Structures are given as structure tokens and as C-alpha cells.
């Protein structure tokens, strides 16, 4: 695993170190997991934006009226399952 240096403000370091001690997790692992979650959340944001673009521009469901029709059918089908 590559080694990097990270510079933190003193109060940020103290908060992260306190959490590391409280959770019994090495500081390096806590920072690594935080970075991984940040990168993953950025990828998820990009994926959501792409789905929204497809749904609004390409109208895969046939537009708003077709979506309402499909939604009504699914809602009625769900009601029959109870």
C-alpha cells in the first residue's frame, strides 16, 4: 500500500485521533475509510446525475403522462397484494 502524508489542522487532528482511540481503530485506517467513503459518495453523485439526465432528457418511460399511467398501475397492483 502506498504511503502518503496528510496535513491536518491541529483541532481536526485531535478530533480524528480522539475518535480513533474511542473506536479502537488505527488513525490511518480511519482516514483511509473516510477518503474511500468520500470518493464513493462523489461517484454516487455522478451516477445519480446521469440517471436524472436520462430520465429528464431522453424520457425512457414515454414522458410524464406515461410515467403517471405506469405509477397508477403499479400503485393499484401493490394495493392488491395486501
Protein backbone atom coordinates (compact mmCIF):
# COMPACT_ATOMS: atom_id res chain seq x y z
CA UNK A 1 0.00 0.00 0.00
CA UNK A 2 1.44 3.40 -0.93
CA UNK A 3 2.34 5.77 1.86
CA UNK A 4 1.24 9.41 1.76
CA UNK A 5 1.42 12.38 4.07
CA UNK A 6 -1.69 14.26 5.09
CA UNK A 7 -1.58 17.65 6.74
CA UNK A 8 -4.42 18.45 9.13
CA UNK A 9 -5.31 21.42 11.25
CA UNK A 10 -4.47 20.74 14.88
CA UNK A 11 -8.10 20.70 16.06
CA UNK A 12 -9.11 18.36 13.20
CA UNK A 13 -6.26 16.02 14.07
CA UNK A 14 -7.26 16.00 17.73
CA UNK A 15 -10.89 15.18 16.88
CA UNK A 16 -9.89 12.38 14.49
CA UNK A 17 -7.37 10.99 16.98
CA UNK A 18 -9.97 11.02 19.77
CA UNK A 19 -12.41 9.13 17.56
CA UNK A 20 -9.66 6.68 16.63
CA UNK A 21 -8.97 5.97 20.28
CA UNK A 22 -12.66 5.77 21.20
CA UNK A 23 -13.40 3.29 18.40
CA UNK A 24 -10.17 1.35 18.82
CA UNK A 25 -9.32 1.86 15.16
CA UNK A 26 -5.89 2.90 13.90
CA UNK A 27 -5.77 6.53 12.82
CA UNK A 28 -4.52 5.55 9.35
CA UNK A 29 -7.47 3.20 8.83
CA UNK A 30 -9.96 5.84 9.95
CA UNK A 31 -8.51 8.35 7.48
CA UNK A 32 -8.35 5.74 4.68
CA UNK A 33 -12.00 4.73 5.17
CA UNK A 34 -13.06 8.39 5.26
CA UNK A 35 -11.32 9.07 1.96
CA UNK A 36 -12.85 5.93 0.40
CA UNK A 37 -16.34 6.99 1.51
CA UNK A 38 -15.81 10.49 0.13
CA UNK A 39 -14.69 9.15 -3.25
CA UNK A 40 -17.57 6.66 -3.33
CA UNK A 41 -20.10 9.39 -2.49
CA UNK A 42 -18.72 11.53 -5.34
CA UNK A 43 -19.11 8.57 -7.72
CA UNK A 44 -22.66 8.03 -6.49
CA UNK A 45 -23.48 11.72 -7.05
CA UNK A 46 -22.21 11.43 -10.61
CA UNK A 47 -24.27 8.28 -11.19
CA UNK A 48 -27.42 9.94 -9.80
CA UNK A 49 -26.85 12.94 -12.05
CA UNK A 50 -26.51 10.63 -15.06
CA UNK A 51 -29.75 8.80 -14.21
CA UNK A 52 -31.56 12.10 -13.74
CA UNK A 53 -30.25 13.31 -17.09
CA UNK A 54 -31.51 10.17 -18.79
CA UNK A 55 -34.90 10.41 -17.12
CA UNK A 56 -35.41 14.07 -17.93
CA UNK A 57 -33.88 14.41 -21.40
CA UNK A 58 -34.36 11.04 -23.06
CA UNK A 59 -37.72 10.27 -21.42
CA UNK A 60 -37.27 6.48 -21.38
CA UNK A 61 -40.72 5.99 -19.85
CA UNK A 62 -42.51 8.00 -22.53
CA UNK A 63 -42.71 11.28 -20.70
CA UNK A 64 -44.71 12.49 -17.73
CA UNK A 65 -48.12 11.15 -18.82
CA UNK A 66 -46.79 7.65 -19.44
CA UNK A 67 -44.99 7.73 -16.09
CA UNK A 68 -48.21 8.74 -14.30
CA UNK A 69 -50.06 5.89 -16.05
CA UNK A 70 -47.36 3.39 -15.06
CA UNK A 71 -47.28 4.73 -11.50
CA UNK A 72 -51.05 4.38 -11.18
CA UNK A 73 -50.91 0.79 -12.46
CA UNK A 74 -48.10 -0.11 -10.02
CA UNK A 75 -49.92 1.54 -7.12
CA UNK A 76 -53.08 -0.43 -7.89
CA UNK A 77 -51.07 -3.66 -8.25
CA UNK A 78 -49.40 -3.02 -4.88
CA UNK A 79 -52.80 -2.41 -3.27
CA UNK A 80 -54.00 -5.84 -4.47
CA UNK A 81 -51.04 -7.59 -2.80
CA UNK A 82 -52.04 -6.68 0.72
